[in-house]
Amino acid sequence: MTIELTLISKPGCHLCDDALEVIHQVLADFSAAKPQQQVEVKHVNMLEHEDLIQKYAEEIPVLLINGNMHAYWRIDDERLMRALHALAK
């Protein structure tokens, strides 16, 4: 099963840039530990989706794991790593 990470963000958001950096760092370490586990990262610009603007306007960036809310504003690297290992094959 592929783990799907979805980062909901908007252009010009410094917290979004920070979140993306944390995600990439965690994925590099996770991939080294679990090379067989597939992880897909999707970036969604909330400005292109009115429903996301209404839902997450004050919470971006938002990280979803397999469609479920994992974190918003700041991504904790250790918590994300634990979540990925819990979902890994």
Foldseek 3Di string as FASTA:
>chain_A
DEKEKEWEAAPPDVLSVQQVVLVVVLVVVLCVVPVPHHYHYHYHHCVVPPVSCVVCVPWPGFMDIVNHTDGTSHDDNVSVNVVVVVPGD
